[in-house]
Amino acid sequence: MREMQLHNDIARVLFSEEQLARRVAEMGKDIMRDYAHVEGGIVLLSVLRGAALFMADLARAIDLPLEMDYLAVSSYGNAAKSSGDVHLQKDVSSPIAGKHVIVAEDILDSGLTLSRVIDLLRERKPASVEVATLLRKQRPDQADVACKYVGFECPDEFIVGYGLDYAQRYRNLPYIGVLKPELIS
């Protein structure tokens, strides 16, 4: 019964489970093509918590040696909009100096959080830092963040599912949908 409630909170589905699986597989192939020559593989780094599901699926779509690591930052809390004040809550576990890092991000929204994460990572002298974002919103005020791999362009609406949340809910939906506006405070 509770599952039904989650689905009833969705105004419309933007990307189905099948569309997500297909696009993530394509992104994995693109990464394999670009990094096949790299000795020692890559570091796939997820920004927790939203990107954890995306990174898990992306890692399975990459048939190359790779390390997986996690970074936790917060700029939203339980709000619907980023505060712009980014707090590092969990750092990476392994050194990344000299390694090729791909940041697996769930959504490029304002870009403030991701921009700060990239700055933090570059201070550690990796061989390279690229971004694989599942979603990129179309916003005129978005920070200038280069994303080498983009899953989908999406409208500037409040979306949830496939790791994306509102007040820590809806992450477990297998698709990405627009949350009904009356549910957002």
N, C-alpha and C. Protein backbone atom coordinates (compact mmCIF):
# COMPACT_ATOMS: atom_id res chain seq x y z
N MET A 1 0.82 -1.20 0.00
CA MET A 1 0.00 0.00 0.00
C MET A 1 0.86 1.26 0.00
N ARG A 2 1.96 1.24 0.76
CA ARG A 2 2.84 2.42 0.82
C ARG A 2 3.46 2.72 -0.55
N GLU A 3 3.84 1.66 -1.30
CA GLU A 3 4.43 1.85 -2.62
C GLU A 3 3.46 2.61 -3.53
N MET A 4 2.20 2.28 -3.44
CA MET A 4 1.20 2.94 -4.26
C MET A 4 1.18 4.43 -3.98
N GLN A 5 1.36 4.82 -2.71
CA GLN A 5 1.37 6.23 -2.34
C GLN A 5 2.52 6.96 -3.03
N LEU A 6 3.69 6.36 -3.06
CA LEU A 6 4.83 6.99 -3.72
C LEU A 6 4.52 7.28 -5.19
N HIS A 7 3.97 6.29 -5.87
CA HIS A 7 3.65 6.46 -7.29
C HIS A 7 2.55 7.51 -7.50
N ASN A 8 1.63 7.60 -6.58
CA ASN A 8 0.55 8.59 -6.68
C ASN A 8 1.04 10.02 -6.51
N ASP A 9 2.22 10.19 -5.95
CA ASP A 9 2.79 11.53 -5.75
C ASP A 9 3.47 12.07 -7.00
N ILE A 10 3.53 11.26 -8.05
CA ILE A 10 4.22 11.64 -9.28
C ILE A 10 3.23 12.21 -10.29
N ALA A 11 3.53 13.42 -10.77
CA ALA A 11 2.66 14.07 -11.76
C ALA A 11 2.78 13.38 -13.12
N ARG A 12 4.03 13.06 -13.50
CA ARG A 12 4.25 12.34 -14.76
C ARG A 12 5.66 11.74 -14.75
N VAL A 13 5.82 10.68 -15.49
CA VAL A 13 7.13 10.02 -15.62
C VAL A 13 7.90 10.71 -16.74
N LEU A 14 9.13 11.11 -16.45
CA LEU A 14 9.99 11.71 -17.47
C LEU A 14 10.83 10.65 -18.19
N PHE A 15 11.43 9.75 -17.41
CA PHE A 15 12.30 8.72 -17.98
C PHE A 15 11.95 7.40 -17.33
N SER A 16 11.55 6.44 -18.16
CA SER A 16 11.13 5.13 -17.66
C SER A 16 12.35 4.30 -17.23
N GLU A 17 12.07 3.24 -16.54
CA GLU A 17 13.12 2.31 -16.12
C GLU A 17 13.89 1.80 -17.33
N GLU A 18 13.20 1.50 -18.41
CA GLU A 18 13.84 0.99 -19.63
C GLU A 18 14.71 2.07 -20.28
N GLN A 19 14.22 3.30 -20.34
CA GLN A 19 15.01 4.39 -20.93
C GLN A 19 16.29 4.62 -20.12
N LEU A 20 16.17 4.58 -18.80
CA LEU A 20 17.33 4.77 -17.94
C LEU A 20 18.36 3.67 -18.18
N ALA A 21 17.92 2.43 -18.20
CA ALA A 21 18.84 1.30 -18.41
C ALA A 21 19.56 1.41 -19.75
N ARG A 22 18.82 1.75 -20.78
CA ARG A 22 19.40 1.87 -22.12
C ARG A 22 20.45 3.00 -22.17
N ARG A 23 20.11 4.14 -21.62
CA ARG A 23 21.03 5.29 -21.69
C ARG A 23 22.27 5.08 -20.83
N VAL A 24 22.11 4.50 -19.65
CA VAL A 24 23.27 4.23 -18.79
C VAL A 24 24.21 3.24 -19.48
N ALA A 25 23.67 2.24 -20.15
CA ALA A 25 24.50 1.29 -20.90
C ALA A 25 25.28 2.01 -22.01
N GLU A 26 24.63 2.94 -22.69
CA GLU A 26 25.31 3.72 -23.74
C GLU A 26 26.43 4.57 -23.15
N MET A 27 26.16 5.17 -21.99
CA MET A 27 27.20 5.99 -21.34
C MET A 27 28.39 5.11 -20.95
N GLY A 28 28.13 3.90 -20.48
CA GLY A 28 29.20 2.97 -20.15
C GLY A 28 30.06 2.64 -21.36
N LYS A 29 29.43 2.44 -22.51
CA LYS A 29 30.18 2.16 -23.75
C LYS A 29 31.04 3.36 -24.15
N ASP A 30 30.50 4.57 -23.99
CA ASP A 30 31.27 5.78 -24.31
C ASP A 30 32.50 5.89 -23.40
N ILE A 31 32.33 5.60 -22.14
CA ILE A 31 33.45 5.65 -21.20
C ILE A 31 34.48 4.59 -21.54
N MET A 32 34.03 3.38 -21.89
CA MET A 32 34.98 2.32 -22.28
C MET A 32 35.78 2.73 -23.50
N ARG A 33 35.12 3.34 -24.47
CA ARG A 33 35.82 3.80 -25.68
C ARG A 33 36.89 4.83 -25.32
N ASP A 34 36.55 5.77 -24.45
CA ASP A 34 37.46 6.87 -24.12
C ASP A 34 38.59 6.46 -23.17
N TYR A 35 38.40 5.43 -22.38
CA TYR A 35 39.39 5.06 -21.36
C TYR A 35 40.00 3.68 -21.58
N ALA A 36 39.76 3.05 -22.70
CA ALA A 36 40.30 1.71 -22.97
C ALA A 36 41.83 1.70 -22.92
N HIS A 37 42.44 2.80 -23.28
CA HIS A 37 43.91 2.90 -23.35
C HIS A 37 44.55 3.23 -22.00
N VAL A 38 43.77 3.59 -21.01
CA VAL A 38 44.31 4.07 -19.73
C VAL A 38 44.82 2.90 -18.90
N GLU A 39 46.11 2.96 -18.57
CA GLU A 39 46.69 1.94 -17.71
C GLU A 39 46.20 2.12 -16.28
N GLY A 40 45.85 1.04 -15.64
CA GLY A 40 45.44 1.12 -14.25
C GLY A 40 43.96 1.43 -14.06
N GLY A 41 43.25 1.66 -15.13
CA GLY A 41 41.81 1.89 -15.03
C GLY A 41 41.45 3.28 -14.56
N ILE A 42 40.23 3.39 -14.08
CA ILE A 42 39.67 4.67 -13.68
C ILE A 42 39.11 4.58 -12.26
N VAL A 43 38.85 5.74 -11.70
CA VAL A 43 38.16 5.83 -10.42
C VAL A 43 36.78 6.41 -10.72
N LEU A 44 35.77 5.65 -10.42
CA LEU A 44 34.40 6.11 -10.57
C LEU A 44 33.97 6.58 -9.19
N LEU A 45 33.64 7.85 -9.12
CA LEU A 45 33.36 8.49 -7.84
C LEU A 45 31.93 8.97 -7.80
N SER A 46 31.18 8.50 -6.83
CA SER A 46 29.78 8.89 -6.70
C SER A 46 29.63 9.96 -5.63
N VAL A 47 28.80 10.93 -5.94
CA VAL A 47 28.42 11.91 -4.94
C VAL A 47 27.16 11.36 -4.27
N LEU A 48 27.30 10.97 -3.01
CA LEU A 48 26.19 10.36 -2.27
C LEU A 48 25.15 11.40 -1.92
N ARG A 49 23.96 11.06 -1.74
CA ARG A 49 23.37 9.76 -1.86
C ARG A 49 22.71 9.59 -3.21
N GLY A 50 22.33 10.68 -3.81
CA GLY A 50 21.52 10.61 -5.02
C GLY A 50 22.10 9.83 -6.17
N ALA A 51 23.41 9.87 -6.34
CA ALA A 51 24.03 9.24 -7.51
C ALA A 51 24.41 7.78 -7.28
N ALA A 52 24.16 7.23 -6.11
CA ALA A 52 24.59 5.87 -5.80
C ALA A 52 23.96 4.84 -6.74
N LEU A 53 22.68 4.94 -7.02
CA LEU A 53 22.03 3.98 -7.93
C LEU A 53 22.59 4.12 -9.35
N PHE A 54 22.73 5.34 -9.80
CA PHE A 54 23.27 5.60 -11.14
C PHE A 54 24.69 5.05 -11.24
N MET A 55 25.53 5.31 -10.23
CA MET A 55 26.91 4.83 -10.29
C MET A 55 26.96 3.31 -10.31
N ALA A 56 26.14 2.65 -9.52
CA ALA A 56 26.13 1.18 -9.51
C ALA A 56 25.80 0.63 -10.89
N ASP A 57 24.80 1.18 -11.53
CA ASP A 57 24.43 0.73 -12.88
C ASP A 57 25.50 1.09 -13.90
N LEU A 58 26.08 2.29 -13.77
CA LEU A 58 27.13 2.72 -14.69
C LEU A 58 28.37 1.83 -14.53
N ALA A 59 28.74 1.50 -13.32
CA ALA A 59 29.91 0.64 -13.09
C ALA A 59 29.71 -0.72 -13.75
N ARG A 60 28.51 -1.26 -13.67
CA ARG A 60 28.23 -2.56 -14.30
C ARG A 60 28.27 -2.47 -15.82
N ALA A 61 28.12 -1.27 -16.36
CA ALA A 61 28.13 -1.08 -17.82
C ALA A 61 29.54 -0.78 -18.35
N ILE A 62 30.52 -0.71 -17.47
CA ILE A 62 31.91 -0.41 -17.86
C ILE A 62 32.74 -1.67 -17.67
N ASP A 63 33.22 -2.23 -18.78
CA ASP A 63 34.02 -3.44 -18.72
C ASP A 63 35.51 -3.08 -18.80
N LEU A 64 35.95 -2.32 -17.81
CA LEU A 64 37.35 -1.92 -17.66
C LEU A 64 37.69 -2.00 -16.17
N PRO A 65 38.99 -2.09 -15.86
CA PRO A 65 39.35 -2.02 -14.45
C PRO A 65 38.91 -0.67 -13.88
N LEU A 66 38.26 -0.72 -12.72
CA LEU A 66 37.87 0.54 -12.09
C LEU A 66 37.79 0.39 -10.58
N GLU A 67 38.01 1.48 -9.92
CA GLU A 67 37.79 1.59 -8.48
C GLU A 67 36.50 2.37 -8.30
N MET A 68 35.82 2.08 -7.23
CA MET A 68 34.62 2.85 -6.89
C MET A 68 34.87 3.51 -5.54
N ASP A 69 34.51 4.79 -5.46
CA ASP A 69 34.66 5.49 -4.20
C ASP A 69 33.49 6.46 -4.08
N TYR A 70 33.35 7.02 -2.90
CA TYR A 70 32.19 7.86 -2.60
C TYR A 70 32.61 9.12 -1.88
N LEU A 71 31.85 10.16 -2.15
CA LEU A 71 32.02 11.46 -1.53
C LEU A 71 30.62 11.91 -1.13
N ALA A 72 30.48 12.45 0.06
CA ALA A 72 29.17 12.95 0.47
C ALA A 72 29.28 14.44 0.74
N VAL A 73 28.41 15.18 0.10
CA VAL A 73 28.33 16.62 0.31
C VAL A 73 26.87 16.99 0.50
N SER A 74 26.66 18.12 1.09
CA SER A 74 25.29 18.58 1.29
C SER A 74 25.19 20.05 0.97
N SER A 75 24.16 20.38 0.21
CA SER A 75 23.84 21.79 -0.02
C SER A 75 22.33 22.00 -0.03
N TYR A 76 21.57 20.91 0.09
CA TYR A 76 20.13 20.98 0.05
C TYR A 76 19.49 20.79 1.42
N GLY A 77 20.05 19.89 2.25
CA GLY A 77 19.36 19.51 3.48
C GLY A 77 18.05 18.86 3.07
N ASN A 78 16.94 19.27 3.67
CA ASN A 78 15.63 18.75 3.28
C ASN A 78 14.87 19.76 2.43
N ALA A 79 15.55 20.77 1.92
CA ALA A 79 14.90 21.81 1.13
C ALA A 79 14.81 21.39 -0.33
N ALA A 80 14.02 22.13 -1.08
CA ALA A 80 13.83 21.84 -2.50
C ALA A 80 14.88 22.54 -3.36
N LYS A 81 15.61 23.51 -2.81
CA LYS A 81 16.61 24.25 -3.56
C LYS A 81 17.93 24.24 -2.81
N SER A 82 19.03 24.25 -3.58
CA SER A 82 20.37 24.28 -2.99
C SER A 82 20.58 25.60 -2.26
N SER A 83 21.25 25.51 -1.12
CA SER A 83 21.58 26.72 -0.37
C SER A 83 22.79 27.40 -0.98
N GLY A 84 23.55 26.67 -1.79
CA GLY A 84 24.78 27.20 -2.35
C GLY A 84 25.96 27.02 -1.40
N ASP A 85 25.70 26.64 -0.17
CA ASP A 85 26.72 26.42 0.84
C ASP A 85 27.00 24.92 0.90
N VAL A 86 28.13 24.50 0.36
CA VAL A 86 28.44 23.08 0.22
C VAL A 86 29.27 22.61 1.41
N HIS A 87 28.80 21.54 2.06
CA HIS A 87 29.48 20.96 3.21
C HIS A 87 29.96 19.56 2.86
N LEU A 88 31.26 19.29 3.06
CA LEU A 88 31.82 17.96 2.85
C LEU A 88 31.47 17.11 4.06
N GLN A 89 30.72 16.05 3.85
CA GLN A 89 30.31 15.17 4.94
C GLN A 89 31.10 13.87 4.98
N LYS A 90 31.56 13.39 3.81
CA LYS A 90 32.39 12.19 3.72
C LYS A 90 33.35 12.37 2.57
N ASP A 91 34.63 12.18 2.87
CA ASP A 91 35.66 12.33 1.86
C ASP A 91 35.91 10.98 1.17
N VAL A 92 36.62 11.02 0.05
CA VAL A 92 37.00 9.79 -0.62
C VAL A 92 37.90 8.96 0.29
N SER A 93 37.88 7.65 0.11
CA SER A 93 38.64 6.75 0.97
C SER A 93 40.07 6.53 0.50
N SER A 94 40.29 6.62 -0.81
CA SER A 94 41.61 6.34 -1.39
C SER A 94 42.20 7.57 -2.04
N PRO A 95 43.52 7.63 -2.11
CA PRO A 95 44.15 8.76 -2.81
C PRO A 95 43.81 8.72 -4.30
N ILE A 96 43.62 9.88 -4.89
CA ILE A 96 43.29 9.93 -6.32
C ILE A 96 44.39 10.60 -7.14
N ALA A 97 45.49 10.98 -6.52
CA ALA A 97 46.60 11.63 -7.24
C ALA A 97 47.06 10.73 -8.37
N GLY A 98 47.17 11.31 -9.58
CA GLY A 98 47.65 10.58 -10.74
C GLY A 98 46.63 9.66 -11.38
N LYS A 99 45.44 9.59 -10.84
CA LYS A 99 44.42 8.69 -11.38
C LYS A 99 43.41 9.44 -12.24
N HIS A 100 42.74 8.71 -13.13
CA HIS A 100 41.69 9.28 -13.96
C HIS A 100 40.36 9.11 -13.21
N VAL A 101 39.75 10.22 -12.86
CA VAL A 101 38.54 10.21 -12.04
C VAL A 101 37.34 10.61 -12.90
N ILE A 102 36.28 9.84 -12.78
CA ILE A 102 35.01 10.21 -13.39
C ILE A 102 34.01 10.37 -12.26
N VAL A 103 33.48 11.56 -12.13
CA VAL A 103 32.47 11.83 -11.12
C VAL A 103 31.11 11.44 -11.69
N ALA A 104 30.48 10.47 -11.04
CA ALA A 104 29.14 10.03 -11.44
C ALA A 104 28.14 10.84 -10.63
N GLU A 105 27.46 11.76 -11.27
CA GLU A 105 26.53 12.66 -10.60
C GLU A 105 25.11 12.37 -11.08
N ASP A 106 24.16 12.49 -10.17
CA ASP A 106 22.77 12.22 -10.55
C ASP A 106 22.19 13.34 -11.40
N ILE A 107 22.40 14.59 -10.97
CA ILE A 107 21.78 15.70 -11.70
C ILE A 107 22.61 16.97 -11.59
N LEU A 108 22.78 17.62 -12.72
CA LEU A 108 23.38 18.95 -12.74
C LEU A 108 22.22 19.93 -12.73
N ASP A 109 22.00 20.55 -11.57
CA ASP A 109 20.89 21.47 -11.37
C ASP A 109 21.46 22.89 -11.40
N SER A 110 21.76 23.46 -10.26
CA SER A 110 22.39 24.79 -10.23
C SER A 110 23.85 24.69 -10.63
N GLY A 111 24.45 23.52 -10.38
CA GLY A 111 25.86 23.32 -10.68
C GLY A 111 26.78 23.76 -9.55
N LEU A 112 26.25 24.38 -8.52
CA LEU A 112 27.08 24.89 -7.42
C LEU A 112 27.79 23.76 -6.68
N THR A 113 27.05 22.72 -6.34
CA THR A 113 27.63 21.60 -5.60
C THR A 113 28.69 20.90 -6.44
N LEU A 114 28.35 20.55 -7.67
CA LEU A 114 29.28 19.84 -8.53
C LEU A 114 30.53 20.66 -8.81
N SER A 115 30.39 21.95 -9.01
CA SER A 115 31.53 22.82 -9.23
C SER A 115 32.49 22.78 -8.05
N ARG A 116 31.95 22.82 -6.85
CA ARG A 116 32.79 22.76 -5.64
C ARG A 116 33.45 21.38 -5.51
N VAL A 117 32.73 20.32 -5.82
CA VAL A 117 33.30 18.96 -5.76
C VAL A 117 34.48 18.85 -6.73
N ILE A 118 34.33 19.35 -7.93
CA ILE A 118 35.41 19.29 -8.93
C ILE A 118 36.63 20.06 -8.42
N ASP A 119 36.41 21.24 -7.85
CA ASP A 119 37.52 22.01 -7.28
C ASP A 119 38.25 21.22 -6.19
N LEU A 120 37.49 20.58 -5.30
CA LEU A 120 38.09 19.77 -4.23
C LEU A 120 38.94 18.63 -4.81
N LEU A 121 38.41 17.97 -5.82
CA LEU A 121 39.13 16.85 -6.42
C LEU A 121 40.39 17.30 -7.14
N ARG A 122 40.33 18.40 -7.87
CA ARG A 122 41.50 18.88 -8.62
C ARG A 122 42.64 19.28 -7.69
N GLU A 123 42.32 19.70 -6.47
CA GLU A 123 43.36 20.03 -5.49
C GLU A 123 44.22 18.82 -5.16
N ARG A 124 43.70 17.62 -5.43
CA ARG A 124 44.40 16.37 -5.09
C ARG A 124 45.23 15.83 -6.24
N LYS A 125 45.34 16.58 -7.31
CA LYS A 125 46.20 16.28 -8.45
C LYS A 125 45.92 14.94 -9.16
N PRO A 126 44.66 14.69 -9.52
CA PRO A 126 44.39 13.50 -10.34
C PRO A 126 44.93 13.72 -11.76
N ALA A 127 45.09 12.63 -12.51
CA ALA A 127 45.51 12.75 -13.91
C ALA A 127 44.45 13.50 -14.71
N SER A 128 43.18 13.23 -14.40
CA SER A 128 42.07 13.93 -15.05
C SER A 128 40.83 13.82 -14.18
N VAL A 129 39.91 14.75 -14.38
CA VAL A 129 38.60 14.71 -13.73
C VAL A 129 37.57 15.01 -14.81
N GLU A 130 36.64 14.08 -15.00
CA GLU A 130 35.52 14.28 -15.92
C GLU A 130 34.23 14.02 -15.16
N VAL A 131 33.14 14.46 -15.76
CA VAL A 131 31.83 14.30 -15.13
C VAL A 131 30.92 13.48 -16.03
N ALA A 132 30.26 12.51 -15.42
CA ALA A 132 29.19 11.75 -16.08
C ALA A 132 27.93 12.05 -15.27
N THR A 133 27.07 12.89 -15.81
CA THR A 133 25.83 13.22 -15.10
C THR A 133 24.66 12.53 -15.81
N LEU A 134 23.82 11.93 -15.02
CA LEU A 134 22.65 11.28 -15.60
C LEU A 134 21.71 12.32 -16.20
N LEU A 135 21.50 13.42 -15.47
CA LEU A 135 20.56 14.45 -15.90
C LEU A 135 21.21 15.83 -15.87
N ARG A 136 20.88 16.64 -16.85
CA ARG A 136 21.30 18.04 -16.83
C ARG A 136 20.06 18.90 -17.08
N LYS A 137 19.74 19.71 -16.08
CA LYS A 137 18.59 20.62 -16.22
C LYS A 137 18.96 21.79 -17.11
N GLN A 138 17.96 22.30 -17.77
CA GLN A 138 18.12 23.48 -18.61
C GLN A 138 17.82 24.71 -17.78
N ARG A 139 18.88 25.37 -17.27
CA ARG A 139 18.72 26.55 -16.43
C ARG A 139 19.67 27.63 -16.91
N PRO A 140 19.18 28.85 -17.09
CA PRO A 140 20.06 29.93 -17.54
C PRO A 140 21.07 30.35 -16.48
N ASP A 141 20.78 30.13 -15.21
CA ASP A 141 21.67 30.55 -14.13
C ASP A 141 22.61 29.43 -13.67
N GLN A 142 22.71 28.37 -14.43
CA GLN A 142 23.52 27.22 -14.05
C GLN A 142 25.01 27.56 -14.09
N ALA A 143 25.74 27.09 -13.10
CA ALA A 143 27.19 27.27 -13.08
C ALA A 143 27.79 26.56 -14.30
N ASP A 144 28.91 27.06 -14.76
CA ASP A 144 29.57 26.50 -15.94
C ASP A 144 30.36 25.26 -15.53
N VAL A 145 29.75 24.10 -15.71
CA VAL A 145 30.38 22.82 -15.37
C VAL A 145 30.42 21.97 -16.63
N ALA A 146 31.63 21.57 -17.01
CA ALA A 146 31.78 20.74 -18.20
C ALA A 146 31.42 19.30 -17.86
N CYS A 147 30.48 18.74 -18.60
CA CYS A 147 30.08 17.34 -18.41
C CYS A 147 30.42 16.59 -19.69
N LYS A 148 31.36 15.68 -19.60
CA LYS A 148 31.77 14.91 -20.77
C LYS A 148 30.69 13.91 -21.18
N TYR A 149 29.96 13.39 -20.19
CA TYR A 149 28.93 12.39 -20.45
C TYR A 149 27.63 12.87 -19.82
N VAL A 150 26.59 13.00 -20.64
CA VAL A 150 25.28 13.45 -20.17
C VAL A 150 24.24 12.41 -20.61
N GLY A 151 23.50 11.92 -19.63
CA GLY A 151 22.46 10.95 -19.94
C GLY A 151 21.29 11.58 -20.66
N PHE A 152 20.66 12.54 -20.00
CA PHE A 152 19.47 13.20 -20.54
C PHE A 152 19.48 14.68 -20.17
N GLU A 153 18.97 15.49 -21.06
CA GLU A 153 18.62 16.87 -20.74
C GLU A 153 17.22 16.79 -20.15
N CYS A 154 16.95 17.59 -19.14
CA CYS A 154 15.61 17.52 -18.55
C CYS A 154 15.09 18.92 -18.22
N PRO A 155 13.80 19.04 -18.10
CA PRO A 155 13.21 20.35 -17.81
C PRO A 155 13.53 20.78 -16.38
N ASP A 156 13.41 22.05 -16.14
CA ASP A 156 13.68 22.61 -14.82
C ASP A 156 12.45 22.45 -13.94
N GLU A 157 12.21 21.20 -13.55
CA GLU A 157 11.10 20.86 -12.66
C GLU A 157 11.67 20.03 -11.52
N PHE A 158 10.89 19.87 -10.45
CA PHE A 158 11.38 19.09 -9.33
C PHE A 158 11.12 17.61 -9.60
N ILE A 159 12.22 16.86 -9.78
CA ILE A 159 12.11 15.47 -10.16
C ILE A 159 12.65 14.55 -9.06
N VAL A 160 12.11 13.34 -9.04
CA VAL A 160 12.50 12.35 -8.05
C VAL A 160 12.56 10.97 -8.70
N GLY A 161 13.15 10.03 -7.98
CA GLY A 161 13.24 8.66 -8.44
C GLY A 161 14.64 8.30 -8.89
N TYR A 162 14.95 7.01 -8.94
CA TYR A 162 16.24 6.50 -9.36
C TYR A 162 17.38 7.19 -8.61
N GLY A 163 17.19 7.34 -7.31
CA GLY A 163 18.20 7.95 -6.46
C GLY A 163 17.90 9.39 -6.07
N LEU A 164 17.14 10.09 -6.89
CA LEU A 164 16.80 11.49 -6.59
C LEU A 164 15.68 11.53 -5.55
N ASP A 165 15.79 12.48 -4.64
CA ASP A 165 14.84 12.50 -3.54
C ASP A 165 14.21 13.87 -3.32
N TYR A 166 13.20 13.85 -2.51
CA TYR A 166 12.68 15.06 -1.87
C TYR A 166 12.54 14.71 -0.40
N ALA A 167 13.28 15.39 0.46
CA ALA A 167 13.28 15.15 1.91
C ALA A 167 13.53 13.66 2.20
N GLN A 168 14.49 13.08 1.46
CA GLN A 168 14.94 11.70 1.61
C GLN A 168 13.91 10.65 1.16
N ARG A 169 12.86 11.04 0.49
CA ARG A 169 11.85 10.09 -0.01
C ARG A 169 11.95 9.99 -1.53
N TYR A 170 11.41 8.93 -2.06
CA TYR A 170 11.25 8.67 -3.49
C TYR A 170 12.50 8.13 -4.19
N ARG A 171 13.62 7.99 -3.49
CA ARG A 171 14.84 7.50 -4.13
C ARG A 171 14.65 6.12 -4.75
N ASN A 172 13.77 5.32 -4.17
CA ASN A 172 13.59 3.93 -4.60
C ASN A 172 12.66 3.75 -5.80
N LEU A 173 12.11 4.81 -6.33
CA LEU A 173 11.30 4.67 -7.55
C LEU A 173 12.21 4.21 -8.69
N PRO A 174 11.80 3.28 -9.53
CA PRO A 174 12.66 2.76 -10.59
C PRO A 174 12.73 3.67 -11.82
N TYR A 175 11.99 4.72 -11.83
CA TYR A 175 11.96 5.68 -12.94
C TYR A 175 12.20 7.07 -12.38
N ILE A 176 12.28 8.07 -13.26
CA ILE A 176 12.41 9.46 -12.84
C ILE A 176 11.13 10.18 -13.25
N GLY A 177 10.52 10.82 -12.26
CA GLY A 177 9.26 11.51 -12.52
C GLY A 177 9.23 12.88 -11.87
N VAL A 178 8.26 13.66 -12.30
CA VAL A 178 8.06 15.00 -11.75
C VAL A 178 7.16 14.86 -10.51
N LEU A 179 7.64 15.39 -9.41
CA LEU A 179 6.86 15.38 -8.17
C LEU A 179 5.72 16.40 -8.27
N LYS A 180 4.56 16.02 -7.80
CA LYS A 180 3.43 16.95 -7.83
C LYS A 180 3.79 18.21 -7.06
N PRO A 181 3.59 19.39 -7.66
CA PRO A 181 4.01 20.65 -7.05
C PRO A 181 3.41 20.90 -5.66
N GLU A 182 2.21 20.42 -5.42
CA GLU A 182 1.58 20.68 -4.12
C GLU A 182 2.28 19.93 -2.98
N LEU A 183 3.17 19.00 -3.30
CA LEU A 183 3.89 18.24 -2.28
C LEU A 183 5.21 18.90 -1.87
N ILE A 184 5.60 19.93 -2.58
CA ILE A 184 6.87 20.60 -2.32
C ILE A 184 6.64 21.84 -1.47
N SER A 185 7.34 21.88 -0.32
CA SER A 185 7.18 23.07 0.54
C SER A 185 8.20 24.13 0.22
